[in-house]
Amino acid sequence: MPIEFKRNRVIFRDVVRVEEAEALLEALQKKPTTKVDLAACTHLHTANLQVLVVAKSSIASWPEDSELRAWVKSALEPTS
């Protein structure tokens, strides 16, 4: 399962596809303070990234892959 929903954390693993976006949105709407762990994520479909942007999710761990981390951070971190 590419997304694991825990009590106060959503854990992304490996390839997270478009099919997971709806469940992710529902989970983050129910618990907006949920932290997101992207450390084990190797690919993130843009639909899921959009959900994270709209939900203003708090990131507990960024992706280990440097290119993916840079891409995700550019969308989720506020610019100064």
PDB file of N, CA and C in Angstrom:
ATOM      1  N   MET A   1       0.847  -1.174   0.000  1.00  0.00           N
ATOM      2  CA  MET A   1       0.000   0.000   0.000  1.00  0.00           C
ATOM      3  C   MET A   1       0.896   1.241   0.000  1.00  0.00           C
ATOM      4  N   PRO A   2       0.743   2.097  -0.989  1.00  0.00           N
ATOM      5  CA  PRO A   2       1.633   3.265  -1.115  1.00  0.00           C
ATOM      6  C   PRO A   2       1.406   4.351  -0.060  1.00  0.00           C
ATOM      7  N   ILE A   3       0.201   4.424   0.502  1.00  0.00           N
ATOM      8  CA  ILE A   3      -0.054   5.382   1.574  1.00  0.00           C
ATOM      9  C   ILE A   3      -0.618   4.603   2.761  1.00  0.00           C
ATOM     10  N   GLU A   4       0.015   4.810   3.911  1.00  0.00           N
ATOM     11  CA  GLU A   4      -0.455   4.165   5.140  1.00  0.00           C
ATOM     12  C   GLU A   4      -0.975   5.265   6.063  1.00  0.00           C
ATOM     13  N   PHE A   5      -2.202   5.099   6.492  1.00  0.00           N
ATOM     14  CA  PHE A   5      -2.835   6.084   7.359  1.00  0.00           C
ATOM     15  C   PHE A   5      -2.729   5.622   8.802  1.00  0.00           C
ATOM     16  N   LYS A   6      -1.989   6.382   9.590  1.00  0.00           N
ATOM     17  CA  LYS A   6      -1.843   6.117  11.025  1.00  0.00           C
ATOM     18  C   LYS A   6      -2.695   7.128  11.779  1.00  0.00           C
ATOM     19  N   ARG A   7      -2.644   7.067  13.096  1.00  0.00           N
ATOM     20  CA  ARG A   7      -3.465   7.958  13.922  1.00  0.00           C
ATOM     21  C   ARG A   7      -3.235   9.436  13.588  1.00  0.00           C
ATOM     22  N   ASN A   8      -1.990   9.882  13.644  1.00  0.00           N
ATOM     23  CA  ASN A   8      -1.668  11.302  13.399  1.00  0.00           C
ATOM     24  C   ASN A   8      -0.615  11.480  12.320  1.00  0.00           C
ATOM     25  N   ARG A   9      -0.489  10.485  11.455  1.00  0.00           N
ATOM     26  CA  ARG A   9       0.553  10.525  10.425  1.00  0.00           C
ATOM     27  C   ARG A   9       0.089   9.792   9.179  1.00  0.00           C
ATOM     28  N   VAL A  10       0.496  10.328   8.050  1.00  0.00           N
ATOM     29  CA  VAL A  10       0.279   9.666   6.765  1.00  0.00           C
ATOM     30  C   VAL A  10       1.661   9.345   6.213  1.00  0.00           C
ATOM     31  N   ILE A  11       1.894   8.069   5.931  1.00  0.00           N
ATOM     32  CA  ILE A  11       3.211   7.628   5.480  1.00  0.00           C
ATOM     33  C   ILE A  11       3.135   7.232   4.006  1.00  0.00           C
ATOM     34  N   PHE A  12       3.961   7.885   3.193  1.00  0.00           N
ATOM     35  CA  PHE A  12       4.028   7.610   1.758  1.00  0.00           C
ATOM     36  C   PHE A  12       5.182   6.645   1.505  1.00  0.00           C
ATOM     37  N   ARG A  13       4.917   5.603   0.710  1.00  0.00           N
ATOM     38  CA  ARG A  13       5.961   4.628   0.386  1.00  0.00           C
ATOM     39  C   ARG A  13       5.997   4.399  -1.122  1.00  0.00           C
ATOM     40  N   ASP A  14       7.193   4.305  -1.629  1.00  0.00           N
ATOM     41  CA  ASP A  14       7.421   3.954  -3.032  1.00  0.00           C
ATOM     42  C   ASP A  14       6.662   4.880  -3.983  1.00  0.00           C
ATOM     43  N   VAL A  15       5.950   4.307  -4.934  1.00  0.00           N
ATOM     44  CA  VAL A  15       5.239   5.072  -5.965  1.00  0.00           C
ATOM     45  C   VAL A  15       3.816   5.361  -5.492  1.00  0.00           C
ATOM     46  N   VAL A  16       3.481   6.641  -5.368  1.00  0.00           N
ATOM     47  CA  VAL A  16       2.148   7.050  -4.947  1.00  0.00           C
ATOM     48  C   VAL A  16       1.418   7.583  -6.183  1.00  0.00           C
ATOM     49  N   ARG A  17       0.404   6.859  -6.599  1.00  0.00           N
ATOM     50  CA  ARG A  17      -0.290   7.140  -7.863  1.00  0.00           C
ATOM     51  C   ARG A  17      -1.535   7.991  -7.671  1.00  0.00           C
ATOM     52  N   VAL A  18      -2.105   8.383  -8.776  1.00  0.00           N
ATOM     53  CA  VAL A  18      -3.295   9.225  -8.782  1.00  0.00           C
ATOM     54  C   VAL A  18      -4.451   8.572  -8.024  1.00  0.00           C
ATOM     55  N   GLU A  19      -4.525   7.277  -8.033  1.00  0.00           N
ATOM     56  CA  GLU A  19      -5.625   6.567  -7.383  1.00  0.00           C
ATOM     57  C   GLU A  19      -5.684   6.832  -5.871  1.00  0.00           C
ATOM     58  N   GLU A  20      -4.578   7.232  -5.278  1.00  0.00           N
ATOM     59  CA  GLU A  20      -4.539   7.478  -3.839  1.00  0.00           C
ATOM     60  C   GLU A  20      -5.003   8.878  -3.449  1.00  0.00           C
ATOM     61  N   ALA A  21      -5.157   9.764  -4.393  1.00  0.00           N
ATOM     62  CA  ALA A  21      -5.435  11.170  -4.084  1.00  0.00           C
ATOM     63  C   ALA A  21      -6.754  11.385  -3.347  1.00  0.00           C
ATOM     64  N   GLU A  22      -7.789  10.689  -3.738  1.00  0.00           N
ATOM     65  CA  GLU A  22      -9.091  10.893  -3.096  1.00  0.00           C
ATOM     66  C   GLU A  22      -9.067  10.465  -1.629  1.00  0.00           C
ATOM     67  N   ALA A  23      -8.489   9.301  -1.347  1.00  0.00           N
ATOM     68  CA  ALA A  23      -8.400   8.829   0.038  1.00  0.00           C
ATOM     69  C   ALA A  23      -7.515   9.764   0.863  1.00  0.00           C
ATOM     70  N   LEU A  24      -6.456  10.268   0.261  1.00  0.00           N
ATOM     71  CA  LEU A  24      -5.575  11.213   0.953  1.00  0.00           C
ATOM     72  C   LEU A  24      -6.337  12.479   1.313  1.00  0.00           C
ATOM     73  N   LEU A  25      -7.071  13.013   0.361  1.00  0.00           N
ATOM     74  CA  LEU A  25      -7.857  14.224   0.604  1.00  0.00           C
ATOM     75  C   LEU A  25      -8.850  14.005   1.745  1.00  0.00           C
ATOM     76  N   GLU A  26      -9.561  12.899   1.710  1.00  0.00           N
ATOM     77  CA  GLU A  26     -10.547  12.602   2.756  1.00  0.00           C
ATOM     78  C   GLU A  26      -9.876  12.502   4.127  1.00  0.00           C
ATOM     79  N   ALA A  27      -8.738  11.829   4.190  1.00  0.00           N
ATOM     80  CA  ALA A  27      -8.031  11.665   5.462  1.00  0.00           C
ATOM     81  C   ALA A  27      -7.567  13.014   6.007  1.00  0.00           C
ATOM     82  N   LEU A  28      -7.029  13.863   5.142  1.00  0.00           N
ATOM     83  CA  LEU A  28      -6.526  15.156   5.599  1.00  0.00           C
ATOM     84  C   LEU A  28      -7.659  16.117   5.943  1.00  0.00           C
ATOM     85  N   GLN A  29      -8.813  15.944   5.331  1.00  0.00           N
ATOM     86  CA  GLN A  29      -9.967  16.764   5.694  1.00  0.00           C
ATOM     87  C   GLN A  29     -10.506  16.372   7.064  1.00  0.00           C
ATOM     88  N   LYS A  30     -10.472  15.074   7.367  1.00  0.00           N
ATOM     89  CA  LYS A  30     -10.957  14.602   8.663  1.00  0.00           C
ATOM     90  C   LYS A  30     -10.007  14.984   9.795  1.00  0.00           C
ATOM     91  N   LYS A  31      -8.705  14.935   9.512  1.00  0.00           N
ATOM     92  CA  LYS A  31      -7.686  15.264  10.520  1.00  0.00           C
ATOM     93  C   LYS A  31      -6.665  16.217   9.910  1.00  0.00           C
ATOM     94  N   PRO A  32      -6.974  17.510   9.868  1.00  0.00           N
ATOM     95  CA  PRO A  32      -6.077  18.472   9.223  1.00  0.00           C
ATOM     96  C   PRO A  32      -4.723  18.645   9.900  1.00  0.00           C
ATOM     97  N   THR A  33      -4.574  18.190  11.130  1.00  0.00           N
ATOM     98  CA  THR A  33      -3.289  18.328  11.823  1.00  0.00           C
ATOM     99  C   THR A  33      -2.366  17.129  11.596  1.00  0.00           C
ATOM    100  N   THR A  34      -2.796  16.202  10.763  1.00  0.00           N
ATOM    101  CA  THR A  34      -1.985  15.021  10.467  1.00  0.00           C
ATOM    102  C   THR A  34      -0.659  15.422   9.832  1.00  0.00           C
ATOM    103  N   LYS A  35       0.415  14.806  10.293  1.00  0.00           N
ATOM    104  CA  LYS A  35       1.748  15.049   9.718  1.00  0.00           C
ATOM    105  C   LYS A  35       1.974  14.067   8.578  1.00  0.00           C
ATOM    106  N   VAL A  36       2.774  14.498   7.606  1.00  0.00           N
ATOM    107  CA  VAL A  36       3.033  13.698   6.405  1.00  0.00           C
ATOM    108  C   VAL A  36       4.491  13.260   6.378  1.00  0.00           C
ATOM    109  N   ASP A  37       4.697  11.968   6.211  1.00  0.00           N
ATOM    110  CA  ASP A  37       6.037  11.388   6.143  1.00  0.00           C
ATOM    111  C   ASP A  37       6.288  10.927   4.706  1.00  0.00           C
ATOM    112  N   LEU A  38       7.165  11.623   4.021  1.00  0.00           N
ATOM    113  CA  LEU A  38       7.470  11.334   2.617  1.00  0.00           C
ATOM    114  C   LEU A  38       8.825  10.643   2.435  1.00  0.00           C
ATOM    115  N   ALA A  39       9.489  10.278   3.517  1.00  0.00           N
ATOM    116  CA  ALA A  39      10.856   9.769   3.449  1.00  0.00           C
ATOM    117  C   ALA A  39      11.011   8.592   2.489  1.00  0.00           C
ATOM    118  N   ALA A  40      10.085   7.656   2.499  1.00  0.00           N
ATOM    119  CA  ALA A  40      10.202   6.450   1.668  1.00  0.00           C
ATOM    120  C   ALA A  40       9.524   6.588   0.305  1.00  0.00           C
ATOM    121  N   CYS A  41       9.022   7.760  -0.001  1.00  0.00           N
ATOM    122  CA  CYS A  41       8.344   7.986  -1.285  1.00  0.00           C
ATOM    123  C   CYS A  41       9.381   8.139  -2.398  1.00  0.00           C
ATOM    124  N   THR A  42       9.166   7.419  -3.505  1.00  0.00           N
ATOM    125  CA  THR A  42      10.092   7.511  -4.637  1.00  0.00           C
ATOM    126  C   THR A  42       9.476   8.219  -5.841  1.00  0.00           C
ATOM    127  N   HIS A  43       8.141   8.305  -5.863  1.00  0.00           N
ATOM    128  CA  HIS A  43       7.427   9.008  -6.934  1.00  0.00           C
ATOM    129  C   HIS A  43       6.094   9.477  -6.377  1.00  0.00           C
ATOM    130  N   LEU A  44       5.744  10.723  -6.651  1.00  0.00           N
ATOM    131  CA  LEU A  44       4.501  11.295  -6.155  1.00  0.00           C
ATOM    132  C   LEU A  44       3.734  11.885  -7.326  1.00  0.00           C
ATOM    133  N   HIS A  45       2.553  11.339  -7.595  1.00  0.00           N
ATOM    134  CA  HIS A  45       1.721  11.878  -8.678  1.00  0.00           C
ATOM    135  C   HIS A  45       1.295  13.295  -8.301  1.00  0.00           C
ATOM    136  N   THR A  46       1.199  14.156  -9.274  1.00  0.00           N
ATOM    137  CA  THR A  46       0.874  15.562  -9.022  1.00  0.00           C
ATOM    138  C   THR A  46      -0.475  15.744  -8.334  1.00  0.00           C
ATOM    139  N   ALA A  47      -1.416  14.834  -8.526  1.00  0.00           N
ATOM    140  CA  ALA A  47      -2.709  14.946  -7.847  1.00  0.00           C
ATOM    141  C   ALA A  47      -2.522  14.900  -6.333  1.00  0.00           C
ATOM    142  N   ASN A  48      -1.626  14.048  -5.871  1.00  0.00           N
ATOM    143  CA  ASN A  48      -1.351  13.952  -4.443  1.00  0.00           C
ATOM    144  C   ASN A  48      -0.604  15.181  -3.946  1.00  0.00           C
ATOM    145  N   LEU A  49       0.287  15.698  -4.758  1.00  0.00           N
ATOM    146  CA  LEU A  49       0.983  16.930  -4.392  1.00  0.00           C
ATOM    147  C   LEU A  49      -0.022  18.074  -4.261  1.00  0.00           C
ATOM    148  N   GLN A  50      -0.973  18.140  -5.166  1.00  0.00           N
ATOM    149  CA  GLN A  50      -2.002  19.177  -5.106  1.00  0.00           C
ATOM    150  C   GLN A  50      -2.825  19.067  -3.827  1.00  0.00           C
ATOM    151  N   VAL A  51      -3.132  17.846  -3.423  1.00  0.00           N
ATOM    152  CA  VAL A  51      -3.867  17.641  -2.171  1.00  0.00           C
ATOM    153  C   VAL A  51      -3.040  18.174  -1.003  1.00  0.00           C
ATOM    154  N   LEU A  52      -1.752  17.874  -0.990  1.00  0.00           N
ATOM    155  CA  LEU A  52      -0.890  18.350   0.094  1.00  0.00           C
ATOM    156  C   LEU A  52      -0.805  19.873   0.114  1.00  0.00           C
ATOM    157  N   VAL A  53      -0.755  20.484  -1.048  1.00  0.00           N
ATOM    158  CA  VAL A  53      -0.698  21.945  -1.142  1.00  0.00           C
ATOM    159  C   VAL A  53      -1.980  22.560  -0.595  1.00  0.00           C
ATOM    160  N   VAL A  54      -3.113  22.072  -1.048  1.00  0.00           N
ATOM    161  CA  VAL A  54      -4.405  22.620  -0.633  1.00  0.00           C
ATOM    162  C   VAL A  54      -4.640  22.400   0.858  1.00  0.00           C
ATOM    163  N   ALA A  55      -4.237  21.238   1.361  1.00  0.00           N
ATOM    164  CA  ALA A  55      -4.434  20.915   2.778  1.00  0.00           C
ATOM    165  C   ALA A  55      -3.440  21.639   3.679  1.00  0.00           C
ATOM    166  N   LYS A  56      -2.428  22.255   3.075  1.00  0.00           N
ATOM    167  CA  LYS A  56      -1.371  22.941   3.844  1.00  0.00           C
ATOM    168  C   LYS A  56      -0.779  21.984   4.880  1.00  0.00           C
ATOM    169  N   SER A  57      -0.452  20.813   4.398  1.00  0.00           N
ATOM    170  CA  SER A  57       0.023  19.737   5.261  1.00  0.00           C
ATOM    171  C   SER A  57       1.367  20.053   5.905  1.00  0.00           C
ATOM    172  N   SER A  58       1.516  19.560   7.111  1.00  0.00           N
ATOM    173  CA  SER A  58       2.777  19.673   7.837  1.00  0.00           C
ATOM    174  C   SER A  58       3.622  18.451   7.492  1.00  0.00           C
ATOM    175  N   ILE A  59       4.825  18.695   7.000  1.00  0.00           N
ATOM    176  CA  ILE A  59       5.698  17.603   6.569  1.00  0.00           C
ATOM    177  C   ILE A  59       6.612  17.193   7.720  1.00  0.00           C
ATOM    178  N   ALA A  60       6.511  15.925   8.111  1.00  0.00           N
ATOM    179  CA  ALA A  60       7.359  15.386   9.178  1.00  0.00           C
ATOM    180  C   ALA A  60       8.713  14.965   8.618  1.00  0.00           C
ATOM    181  N   SER A  61       8.704  14.383   7.411  1.00  0.00           N
ATOM    182  CA  SER A  61       9.935  13.916   6.759  1.00  0.00           C
ATOM    183  C   SER A  61       9.825  14.132   5.263  1.00  0.00           C
ATOM    184  N   TRP A  62      10.861  14.706   4.690  1.00  0.00           N
ATOM    185  CA  TRP A  62      10.914  14.942   3.254  1.00  0.00           C
ATOM    186  C   TRP A  62      11.418  13.683   2.537  1.00  0.00           C
ATOM    187  N   PRO A  63      11.166  13.562   1.228  1.00  0.00           N
ATOM    188  CA  PRO A  63      11.664  12.385   0.488  1.00  0.00           C
ATOM    189  C   PRO A  63      13.189  12.280   0.561  1.00  0.00           C
ATOM    190  N   GLU A  64      13.670  11.065   0.649  1.00  0.00           N
ATOM    191  CA  GLU A  64      15.119  10.830   0.666  1.00  0.00           C
ATOM    192  C   GLU A  64      15.732  11.121  -0.698  1.00  0.00           C
ATOM    193  N   ASP A  65      15.011  10.859  -1.766  1.00  0.00           N
ATOM    194  CA  ASP A  65      15.486  11.127  -3.121  1.00  0.00           C
ATOM    195  C   ASP A  65      15.630  12.639  -3.296  1.00  0.00           C
ATOM    196  N   SER A  66      16.824  13.093  -3.622  1.00  0.00           N
ATOM    197  CA  SER A  66      17.102  14.535  -3.663  1.00  0.00           C
ATOM    198  C   SER A  66      16.290  15.289  -4.718  1.00  0.00           C
ATOM    199  N   GLU A  67      16.100  14.702  -5.886  1.00  0.00           N
ATOM    200  CA  GLU A  67      15.314  15.376  -6.925  1.00  0.00           C
ATOM    201  C   GLU A  67      13.844  15.496  -6.530  1.00  0.00           C
ATOM    202  N   LEU A  68      13.297  14.413  -6.005  1.00  0.00           N
ATOM    203  CA  LEU A  68      11.903  14.445  -5.560  1.00  0.00           C
ATOM    204  C   LEU A  68      11.747  15.420  -4.397  1.00  0.00           C
ATOM    205  N   ARG A  69      12.692  15.410  -3.459  1.00  0.00           N
ATOM    206  CA  ARG A  69      12.650  16.318  -2.323  1.00  0.00           C
ATOM    207  C   ARG A  69      12.641  17.777  -2.789  1.00  0.00           C
ATOM    208  N   ALA A  70      13.501  18.112  -3.732  1.00  0.00           N
ATOM    209  CA  ALA A  70      13.567  19.489  -4.232  1.00  0.00           C
ATOM    210  C   ALA A  70      12.246  19.891  -4.888  1.00  0.00           C
ATOM    211  N   TRP A  71      11.667  18.989  -5.662  1.00  0.00           N
ATOM    212  CA  TRP A  71      10.408  19.272  -6.362  1.00  0.00           C
ATOM    213  C   TRP A  71       9.270  19.466  -5.369  1.00  0.00           C
ATOM    214  N   VAL A  72       9.172  18.564  -4.399  1.00  0.00           N
ATOM    215  CA  VAL A  72       8.089  18.636  -3.415  1.00  0.00           C
ATOM    216  C   VAL A  72       8.262  19.857  -2.520  1.00  0.00           C
ATOM    217  N   LYS A  73       9.480  20.124  -2.081  1.00  0.00           N
ATOM    218  CA  LYS A  73       9.730  21.291  -1.229  1.00  0.00           C
ATOM    219  C   LYS A  73       9.385  22.595  -1.947  1.00  0.00           C
ATOM    220  N   SER A  74       9.684  22.653  -3.231  1.00  0.00           N
ATOM    221  CA  SER A  74       9.391  23.881  -3.980  1.00  0.00           C
ATOM    222  C   SER A  74       7.888  24.177  -4.016  1.00  0.00           C
ATOM    223  N   ALA A  75       7.085  23.136  -3.953  1.00  0.00           N
ATOM    224  CA  ALA A  75       5.625  23.324  -3.968  1.00  0.00           C
ATOM    225  C   ALA A  75       5.045  23.547  -2.580  1.00  0.00           C
ATOM    226  N   LEU A  76       5.671  22.956  -1.559  1.00  0.00           N
ATOM    227  CA  LEU A  76       5.068  22.967  -0.231  1.00  0.00           C
ATOM    228  C   LEU A  76       5.660  23.975   0.755  1.00  0.00           C
ATOM    229  N   GLU A  77       6.891  24.387   0.534  1.00  0.00           N
ATOM    230  CA  GLU A  77       7.479  25.354   1.462  1.00  0.00           C
ATOM    231  C   GLU A  77       7.162  26.770   1.007  1.00  0.00           C
ATOM    232  N   PRO A  78       6.788  27.615   1.958  1.00  0.00           N
ATOM    233  CA  PRO A  78       6.524  29.008   1.578  1.00  0.00           C
ATOM    234  C   PRO A  78       7.809  29.702   1.130  1.00  0.00           C
ATOM    235  N   THR A  79       7.672  30.548   0.161  1.00  0.00           N
ATOM    236  CA  THR A  79       8.831  31.305  -0.311  1.00  0.00           C
ATOM    237  C   THR A  79       8.976  32.580   0.511  1.00  0.00           C
ATOM    238  N   SER A  80      10.215  33.025   0.672  1.00  0.00           N
ATOM    239  CA  SER A  80      10.421  34.257   1.450  1.00  0.00           C
ATOM    240  C   SER A  80      10.789  35.392   0.556  1.00  0.00           C
TER     241      SER A  80
END
